[in-house]
C-alpha atoms as a PDB file:
ATOM      1  CA  MET A   1     -23.679  53.144 116.119  1.00  0.00           C
ATOM      2  CA  ALA A   2     -21.944  49.835 115.359  1.00  0.00           C
ATOM      3  CA  ALA A   3     -18.249  49.108 114.860  1.00  0.00           C
ATOM      4  CA  HIS A   4     -18.448  49.164 111.048  1.00  0.00           C
ATOM      5  CA  ASP A   5     -19.796  52.713 111.259  1.00  0.00           C
ATOM      6  CA  ILE A   6     -16.338  53.768 112.435  1.00  0.00           C
ATOM      7  CA  PHE A   7     -14.962  52.782 109.013  1.00  0.00           C
ATOM      8  CA  ALA A   8     -17.898  54.339 107.151  1.00  0.00           C
ATOM      9  CA  ARG A   9     -17.633  57.558 109.156  1.00  0.00           C
ATOM     10  CA  GLY A  10     -13.902  57.763 108.466  1.00  0.00           C
ATOM     11  CA  ALA A  11     -14.456  57.438 104.718  1.00  0.00           C
ATOM     12  CA  ALA A  12     -17.182  60.102 104.777  1.00  0.00           C
ATOM     13  CA  LEU A  13     -15.256  62.637 106.849  1.00  0.00           C
ATOM     14  CA  TYR A  14     -11.598  61.994 106.068  1.00  0.00           C
ATOM     15  CA  GLY A  15     -11.750  60.208 102.677  1.00  0.00           C
ATOM     16  CA  ALA A  16      -8.323  60.802 101.131  1.00  0.00           C
ATOM     17  CA  ALA A  17      -6.433  61.141 104.432  1.00  0.00           C
ATOM     18  CA  PRO A  18      -4.168  58.245 105.471  1.00  0.00           C
ATOM     19  CA  ALA A  19      -5.863  55.728 107.752  1.00  0.00           C
ATOM     20  CA  VAL A  20      -3.360  52.915 108.113  1.00  0.00           C
ATOM     21  CA  PHE A  21       0.262  52.095 107.259  1.00  0.00           C
ATOM     22  CA  GLN A  22       2.210  48.855 107.252  1.00  0.00           C
ATOM     23  CA  GLY A  23       5.754  49.154 105.983  1.00  0.00           C
ATOM     24  CA  GLU A  24       5.486  50.760 102.550  1.00  0.00           C
ATOM     25  CA  ARG A  25       1.780  49.997 102.264  1.00  0.00           C
ATOM     26  CA  GLU A  26      -0.702  52.774 102.929  1.00  0.00           C
ATOM     27  CA  LEU A  27      -4.488  52.975 102.781  1.00  0.00           C
ATOM     28  CA  THR A  28      -6.643  56.073 102.923  1.00  0.00           C
ATOM     29  CA  PHE A  29      -9.940  56.040 104.804  1.00  0.00           C
ATOM     30  CA  ASP A  30     -11.759  55.624 101.480  1.00  0.00           C
ATOM     31  CA  ALA A  31      -9.560  52.716 100.427  1.00  0.00           C
ATOM     32  CA  LEU A  32      -9.804  51.065 103.837  1.00  0.00           C
ATOM     33  CA  ARG A  33     -13.586  51.111 103.739  1.00  0.00           C
ATOM     34  CA  ARG A  34     -13.613  49.687 100.201  1.00  0.00           C
ATOM     35  CA  ARG A  35     -11.322  46.836 101.273  1.00  0.00           C
ATOM     36  CA  VAL A  36     -13.443  46.151 104.355  1.00  0.00           C
ATOM     37  CA  ASP A  37     -16.634  46.055 102.288  1.00  0.00           C
ATOM     38  CA  ALA A  38     -15.009  43.899  99.602  1.00  0.00           C
ATOM     39  CA  LEU A  39     -13.923  41.346 102.204  1.00  0.00           C
ATOM     40  CA  ALA A  40     -17.384  41.447 103.761  1.00  0.00           C
ATOM     41  CA  GLY A  41     -18.759  40.487 100.360  1.00  0.00           C
ATOM     42  CA  GLY A  42     -16.497  37.452 100.264  1.00  0.00           C
ATOM     43  CA  LEU A  43     -17.582  36.337 103.704  1.00  0.00           C
ATOM     44  CA  ALA A  44     -21.223  36.704 102.702  1.00  0.00           C
ATOM     45  CA  ALA A  45     -20.587  34.731  99.507  1.00  0.00           C
ATOM     46  CA  LEU A  46     -19.338  31.816 101.626  1.00  0.00           C
ATOM     47  CA  GLY A  47     -22.674  31.804 103.406  1.00  0.00           C
ATOM     48  CA  LEU A  48     -21.393  33.252 106.667  1.00  0.00           C
ATOM     49  CA  VAL A  49     -24.185  35.094 108.466  1.00  0.00           C
ATOM     50  CA  LYS A  50     -24.800  37.226 111.518  1.00  0.00           C
ATOM     51  CA  GLY A  51     -23.816  35.377 114.677  1.00  0.00           C
ATOM     52  CA  ASP A  52     -21.257  33.089 113.024  1.00  0.00           C
ATOM     53  CA  ARG A  53     -17.733  33.204 114.444  1.00  0.00           C
ATOM     54  CA  ILE A  54     -14.339  33.597 112.790  1.00  0.00           C
ATOM     55  CA  CYS A  55     -11.206  32.736 114.779  1.00  0.00           C
ATOM     56  CA  VAL A  56      -7.951  34.508 113.905  1.00  0.00           C
ATOM     57  CA  LEU A  57      -4.535  33.157 114.895  1.00  0.00           C
ATOM     58  CA  ALA A  58      -2.063  35.470 113.185  1.00  0.00           C
ATOM     59  CA  GLN A  59       0.419  38.294 113.507  1.00  0.00           C
ATOM     60  CA  ASN A  60      -0.639  41.899 112.960  1.00  0.00           C
ATOM     61  CA  ASP A  61      -1.483  42.736 109.368  1.00  0.00           C
ATOM     62  CA  LEU A  62      -3.612  45.174 107.369  1.00  0.00           C
ATOM     63  CA  ALA A  63      -5.859  42.274 106.405  1.00  0.00           C
ATOM     64  CA  TYR A  64      -6.353  41.445 110.090  1.00  0.00           C
ATOM     65  CA  LEU A  65      -7.832  44.924 110.630  1.00  0.00           C
ATOM     66  CA  GLN A  66      -9.929  44.618 107.487  1.00  0.00           C
ATOM     67  CA  LEU A  67     -11.283  41.309 108.757  1.00  0.00           C
ATOM     68  CA  TYR A  68     -12.412  42.976 111.983  1.00  0.00           C
ATOM     69  CA  GLY A  69     -14.264  45.586 109.898  1.00  0.00           C
ATOM     70  CA  ALA A  70     -15.785  43.013 107.546  1.00  0.00           C
ATOM     71  CA  CYS A  71     -17.027  40.920 110.470  1.00  0.00           C
ATOM     72  CA  ALA A  72     -18.553  44.020 112.041  1.00  0.00           C
ATOM     73  CA  ARG A  73     -20.381  44.862 108.808  1.00  0.00           C
ATOM     74  CA  GLN A  74     -21.933  41.422 108.475  1.00  0.00           C
ATOM     75  CA  GLY A  75     -22.645  40.855 112.163  1.00  0.00           C
ATOM     76  CA  ILE A  76     -20.074  38.052 112.270  1.00  0.00           C
ATOM     77  CA  ILE A  77     -18.266  37.683 115.605  1.00  0.00           C
ATOM     78  CA  ALA A  78     -14.485  38.119 115.402  1.00  0.00           C
ATOM     79  CA  TYR A  79     -12.750  35.729 117.796  1.00  0.00           C
ATOM     80  CA  PRO A  80      -8.992  36.464 117.877  1.00  0.00           C
ATOM     81  CA  ILE A  81      -6.678  33.928 119.531  1.00  0.00           C
ATOM     82  CA  ASN A  82      -3.414  34.613 121.352  1.00  0.00           C
ATOM     83  CA  TRP A  83      -0.604  33.214 119.183  1.00  0.00           C
ATOM     84  CA  ARG A  84       1.564  32.790 122.306  1.00  0.00           C
ATOM     85  CA  LEU A  85      -0.645  29.912 123.466  1.00  0.00           C
ATOM     86  CA  SER A  86       0.438  26.303 123.047  1.00  0.00           C
ATOM     87  CA  ALA A  87      -1.199  24.120 120.403  1.00  0.00           C
ATOM     88  CA  GLU A  88      -3.282  22.418 123.103  1.00  0.00           C
ATOM     89  CA  GLU A  89      -4.476  25.756 124.465  1.00  0.00           C
ATOM     90  CA  VAL A  90      -5.336  27.055 120.990  1.00  0.00           C
ATOM     91  CA  GLU A  91      -7.300  23.868 120.342  1.00  0.00           C
ATOM     92  CA  ARG A  92      -9.299  24.377 123.527  1.00  0.00           C
ATOM     93  CA  VAL A  93     -10.127  27.948 122.559  1.00  0.00           C
ATOM     94  CA  LEU A  94     -11.197  26.742 119.114  1.00  0.00           C
ATOM     95  CA  GLU A  95     -13.478  24.128 120.661  1.00  0.00           C
ATOM     96  CA  ARG A  96     -15.092  26.737 122.887  1.00  0.00           C
ATOM     97  CA  ALA A  97     -15.449  29.276 120.073  1.00  0.00           C
ATOM     98  CA  ALA A  98     -16.999  26.789 117.608  1.00  0.00           C
ATOM     99  CA  PRO A  99     -16.128  28.982 114.594  1.00  0.00           C
ATOM    100  CA  ARG A 100     -17.106  28.484 110.968  1.00  0.00           C
ATOM    101  CA  MET A 101     -13.743  29.838 109.816  1.00  0.00           C
ATOM    102  CA  LEU A 102     -10.179  29.985 111.098  1.00  0.00           C
ATOM    103  CA  VAL A 103      -7.682  32.465 109.665  1.00  0.00           C
ATOM    104  CA  ALA A 104      -3.990  31.765 110.286  1.00  0.00           C
ATOM    105  CA  ASP A 105      -0.693  32.937 108.787  1.00  0.00           C
ATOM    106  CA  ALA A 106       2.811  31.614 108.125  1.00  0.00           C
ATOM    107  CA  SER A 107       3.820  32.050 111.765  1.00  0.00           C
ATOM    108  CA  THR A 108       1.028  29.822 113.108  1.00  0.00           C
ATOM    109  CA  LEU A 109       0.954  27.061 110.508  1.00  0.00           C
ATOM    110  CA  GLY A 110       3.132  24.960 112.790  1.00  0.00           C
ATOM    111  CA  VAL A 111       0.197  24.868 115.212  1.00  0.00           C
ATOM    112  CA  VAL A 112      -2.827  24.546 112.917  1.00  0.00           C
ATOM    113  CA  GLY A 113      -1.390  23.293 109.615  1.00  0.00           C
ATOM    114  CA  SER A 114      -2.875  19.789 109.982  1.00  0.00           C
ATOM    115  CA  TRP A 115      -6.218  20.862 111.410  1.00  0.00           C
ATOM    116  CA  PRO A 116      -8.331  21.323 108.231  1.00  0.00           C
ATOM    117  CA  ALA A 117      -8.372  17.557 107.709  1.00  0.00           C
ATOM    118  CA  ALA A 118      -8.785  16.798 111.404  1.00  0.00           C
ATOM    119  CA  LYS A 119     -11.552  19.261 112.276  1.00  0.00           C
ATOM    120  CA  PRO A 120     -14.453  18.940 109.821  1.00  0.00           C
ATOM    121  CA  GLY A 121     -16.644  21.040 112.093  1.00  0.00           C
ATOM    122  CA  VAL A 122     -14.783  24.138 110.843  1.00  0.00           C
ATOM    123  CA  PRO A 123     -15.650  24.364 107.132  1.00  0.00           C
ATOM    124  CA  PHE A 124     -13.414  27.273 106.089  1.00  0.00           C
ATOM    125  CA  TRP A 125      -9.645  27.636 106.558  1.00  0.00           C
ATOM    126  CA  TYR A 126      -7.766  30.685 105.268  1.00  0.00           C
ATOM    127  CA  LEU A 127      -4.294  32.206 105.413  1.00  0.00           C
ATOM    128  CA  LEU A 128      -3.067  35.782 105.510  1.00  0.00           C
ATOM    129  CA  GLY A 129      -0.199  36.788 103.274  1.00  0.00           C
ATOM    130  CA  SER A 130       1.534  34.579 100.732  1.00  0.00           C
ATOM    131  CA  ALA A 131       1.757  31.412 102.827  1.00  0.00           C
ATOM    132  CA  ALA A 132       0.328  28.205 101.354  1.00  0.00           C
ATOM    133  CA  ALA A 133      -0.691  24.923 102.954  1.00  0.00           C
ATOM    134  CA  PRO A 134      -2.961  21.969 102.145  1.00  0.00           C
ATOM    135  CA  GLY A 135      -6.527  22.626 103.192  1.00  0.00           C
ATOM    136  CA  PHE A 136      -6.057  26.412 103.369  1.00  0.00           C
ATOM    137  CA  SER A 137      -7.056  29.117 100.889  1.00  0.00           C
ATOM    138  CA  SER A 138      -5.655  32.635 100.629  1.00  0.00           C
ATOM    139  CA  LEU A 139      -7.782  35.280 102.318  1.00  0.00           C
ATOM    140  CA  ALA A 140      -6.925  37.553  99.384  1.00  0.00           C
ATOM    141  CA  THR A 141      -9.232  35.448  97.173  1.00  0.00           C
ATOM    142  CA  LEU A 142     -12.268  36.457  99.237  1.00  0.00           C
ATOM    143  CA  TYR A 143     -12.295  40.149  98.363  1.00  0.00           C
ATOM    144  CA  ARG A 144     -15.280  40.999  96.139  1.00  0.00           C
ATOM    145  CA  GLU A 145     -14.772  44.364  94.462  1.00  0.00           C
ATOM    146  CA  GLY A 146     -17.693  46.221  92.919  1.00  0.00           C
ATOM    147  CA  THR A 147     -21.174  46.349  94.364  1.00  0.00           C
ATOM    148  CA  PRO A 148     -20.934  45.587  98.093  1.00  0.00           C
ATOM    149  CA  ALA A 149     -22.968  42.789  99.607  1.00  0.00           C
ATOM    150  CA  ALA A 150     -25.953  43.861 101.669  1.00  0.00           C
ATOM    151  CA  PRO A 151     -24.849  44.545 105.243  1.00  0.00           C
ATOM    152  CA  ALA A 152     -26.434  42.692 108.120  1.00  0.00           C
ATOM    153  CA  ASP A 153     -28.865  44.390 110.474  1.00  0.00           C
ATOM    154  CA  VAL A 154     -26.403  44.954 113.313  1.00  0.00           C
ATOM    155  CA  ALA A 155     -27.572  46.506 116.582  1.00  0.00           C
ATOM    156  CA  ASP A 156     -25.260  48.172 119.047  1.00  0.00           C
ATOM    157  CA  GLY A 157     -26.073  45.476 121.598  1.00  0.00           C
ATOM    158  CA  ASP A 158     -24.889  42.661 119.300  1.00  0.00           C
ATOM    159  CA  VAL A 159     -21.539  41.017 119.996  1.00  0.00           C
ATOM    160  CA  PHE A 160     -18.684  42.412 117.905  1.00  0.00           C
ATOM    161  CA  THR A 161     -15.727  40.407 119.220  1.00  0.00           C
ATOM    162  CA  VAL A 162     -14.773  37.887 121.871  1.00  0.00           C
ATOM    163  CA  ILE A 163     -11.429  38.516 123.559  1.00  0.00           C
ATOM    164  CA  SER A 164      -9.885  35.607 125.450  1.00  0.00           C
ATOM    165  CA  THR A 165      -8.895  36.345 129.034  1.00  0.00           C
ATOM    166  CA  ALA A 166      -6.904  34.444 131.661  1.00  0.00           C
ATOM    167  CA  ALA A 167      -7.238  30.659 131.745  1.00  0.00           C
ATOM    168  CA  VAL A 168      -8.534  30.497 135.302  1.00  0.00           C
ATOM    169  CA  ASP A 169     -10.487  27.327 134.480  1.00  0.00           C
ATOM    170  CA  VAL A 170      -7.753  25.803 132.252  1.00  0.00           C
ATOM    171  CA  ILE A 171      -9.419  27.094 129.072  1.00  0.00           C
ATOM    172  CA  PRO A 172      -9.065  30.855 128.426  1.00  0.00           C
ATOM    173  CA  ARG A 173     -12.417  32.527 129.003  1.00  0.00           C
ATOM    174  CA  GLY A 174     -13.998  34.574 126.253  1.00  0.00           C
ATOM    175  CA  ALA A 175     -15.111  38.104 127.121  1.00  0.00           C
ATOM    176  CA  ALA A 176     -17.869  39.125 124.703  1.00  0.00           C
ATOM    177  CA  LEU A 177     -17.713  42.805 123.698  1.00  0.00           C
ATOM    178  CA  THR A 178     -20.699  44.395 121.993  1.00  0.00           C
ATOM    179  CA  HIS A 179     -20.554  47.083 119.327  1.00  0.00           C
ATOM    180  CA  ALA A 180     -21.715  49.549 121.989  1.00  0.00           C
ATOM    181  CA  ASN A 181     -18.844  48.497 124.260  1.00  0.00           C
ATOM    182  CA  VAL A 182     -16.304  49.230 121.550  1.00  0.00           C
ATOM    183  CA  VAL A 183     -17.790  52.526 120.372  1.00  0.00           C
ATOM    184  CA  THR A 184     -18.168  53.798 123.947  1.00  0.00           C
ATOM    185  CA  ALA A 185     -14.549  52.885 124.689  1.00  0.00           C
ATOM    186  CA  ASP A 186     -13.495  54.761 121.522  1.00  0.00           C
ATOM    187  CA  LEU A 187     -15.302  57.890 122.628  1.00  0.00           C
ATOM    188  CA  THR A 188     -13.787  57.635 126.103  1.00  0.00           C
ATOM    189  CA  ILE A 189     -10.242  57.325 124.732  1.00  0.00           C
ATOM    190  CA  MET A 190     -10.831  60.184 122.300  1.00  0.00           C
ATOM    191  CA  GLY A 191     -12.159  62.417 125.053  1.00  0.00           C
ATOM    192  CA  CYS A 192      -9.511  61.575 127.637  1.00  0.00           C
ATOM    193  CA  MET A 193      -6.544  61.735 125.272  1.00  0.00           C
ATOM    194  CA  GLY A 194      -7.780  64.450 122.943  1.00  0.00           C
ATOM    195  CA  LEU A 195      -7.256  62.330 119.832  1.00  0.00           C
ATOM    196  CA  GLY A 196      -7.688  64.048 116.478  1.00  0.00           C
ATOM    197  CA  PRO A 197      -6.875  63.692 112.763  1.00  0.00           C
ATOM    198  CA  SER A 198      -3.221  64.642 113.241  1.00  0.00           C
ATOM    199  CA  ASP A 199      -2.537  61.798 115.700  1.00  0.00           C
ATOM    200  CA  ARG A 200      -0.857  58.460 114.958  1.00  0.00           C
ATOM    201  CA  TYR A 201      -1.108  55.198 116.865  1.00  0.00           C
ATOM    202  CA  LEU A 202       1.795  52.752 116.681  1.00  0.00           C
ATOM    203  CA  ALA A 203       0.140  49.326 116.878  1.00  0.00           C
ATOM    204  CA  GLY A 204       3.053  47.311 118.213  1.00  0.00           C
ATOM    205  CA  LEU A 205       0.843  45.279 120.547  1.00  0.00           C
ATOM    206  CA  PRO A 206      -0.880  42.215 119.057  1.00  0.00           C
ATOM    207  CA  LEU A 207      -4.314  42.694 117.511  1.00  0.00           C
ATOM    208  CA  PHE A 208      -5.713  39.772 119.495  1.00  0.00           C
ATOM    209  CA  HIS A 209      -5.414  42.057 122.537  1.00  0.00           C
ATOM    210  CA  ILE A 210      -8.054  44.614 123.432  1.00  0.00           C
ATOM    211  CA  THR A 211      -5.463  47.370 123.915  1.00  0.00           C
ATOM    212  CA  ALA A 212      -4.256  47.253 120.313  1.00  0.00           C
ATOM    213  CA  LEU A 213      -7.753  46.799 118.906  1.00  0.00           C
ATOM    214  CA  GLY A 214      -9.273  49.515 121.095  1.00  0.00           C
ATOM    215  CA  TRP A 215      -6.609  52.102 120.378  1.00  0.00           C
ATOM    216  CA  THR A 216      -6.673  51.349 116.654  1.00  0.00           C
ATOM    217  CA  LEU A 217     -10.439  51.810 116.420  1.00  0.00           C
ATOM    218  CA  ALA A 218     -10.325  54.942 118.579  1.00  0.00           C
ATOM    219  CA  THR A 219      -7.640  56.418 116.323  1.00  0.00           C
ATOM    220  CA  PHE A 220      -9.718  55.622 113.222  1.00  0.00           C
ATOM    221  CA  HIS A 221     -12.771  57.132 114.935  1.00  0.00           C
ATOM    222  CA  ALA A 222     -10.836  60.347 115.589  1.00  0.00           C
ATOM    223  CA  GLY A 223      -9.577  60.561 111.999  1.00  0.00           C
ATOM    224  CA  GLY A 224      -5.987  59.675 112.875  1.00  0.00           C
ATOM    225  CA  ALA A 225      -3.829  56.940 111.331  1.00  0.00           C
ATOM    226  CA  THR A 226      -2.557  53.644 112.693  1.00  0.00           C
ATOM    227  CA  VAL A 227       0.881  52.201 111.941  1.00  0.00           C
ATOM    228  CA  VAL A 228       0.582  48.400 112.006  1.00  0.00           C
ATOM    229  CA  MET A 229       3.661  46.515 113.191  1.00  0.00           C
ATOM    230  CA  SER A 230       4.074  42.779 112.920  1.00  0.00           C
ATOM    231  CA  ARG A 231       6.561  40.677 114.853  1.00  0.00           C
ATOM    232  CA  TRP A 232       8.889  40.733 111.857  1.00  0.00           C
ATOM    233  CA  ASP A 233       9.070  44.489 111.321  1.00  0.00           C
ATOM    234  CA  ALA A 234       9.296  45.545 114.961  1.00  0.00           C
ATOM    235  CA  ASP A 235      12.966  46.528 114.622  1.00  0.00           C
ATOM    236  CA  GLU A 236      12.579  48.339 111.315  1.00  0.00           C
ATOM    237  CA  ALA A 237      12.041  52.050 110.771  1.00  0.00           C
ATOM    238  CA  VAL A 238       8.342  52.872 110.650  1.00  0.00           C
ATOM    239  CA  ARG A 239       6.983  55.730 108.553  1.00  0.00           C
ATOM    240  CA  LEU A 240       4.736  57.932 110.702  1.00  0.00           C
END
């Protein structure tokens, strides 16, 4: 079982049940899988293939979760970056990751806004939300509705994501997590906590962190729903 199977399983078992909320936005398990597959089609259309890396430097968002799922489907390695890092530290992580795409948002443009022209080794630059900047395209333009692109042949031992850890050697180290790592952690959380379809996870922690990602995927796996909070809506009422 690979990480994308969590989304496919949710659609098959819990179809019309709510899977994720952000503010007034809501997606069922069916809709979430369709969005994940549509984004996967866009990534494939760019020529991204299994083993390529996508760095993400952004606040929590529904599209951030969908990007994790799309990467999993195509065997692309998701490489989230801590947005609390300085510009120099982010640049070092980017150099180590060697991605083919970087996805940012309005909150991180101050760090990476000039990089598309300065870093030709990264061919694709995209933004979440409605932000605009020279050299960047909107991630929303990548979604390909209709017939999904063929998924990659992803094994459970393939790398799903790389989570940056402490910078003990100046540059934050990347901990590679396989699909098996993630699925096994899901099952452990589900078993220990007794998660089920009636449960809700409040994702207030950042999605670049393994805690938020792990709990979100475990909640999806159990048929429960995740409430995504960004830095801007942390003080607002959240619909559970």
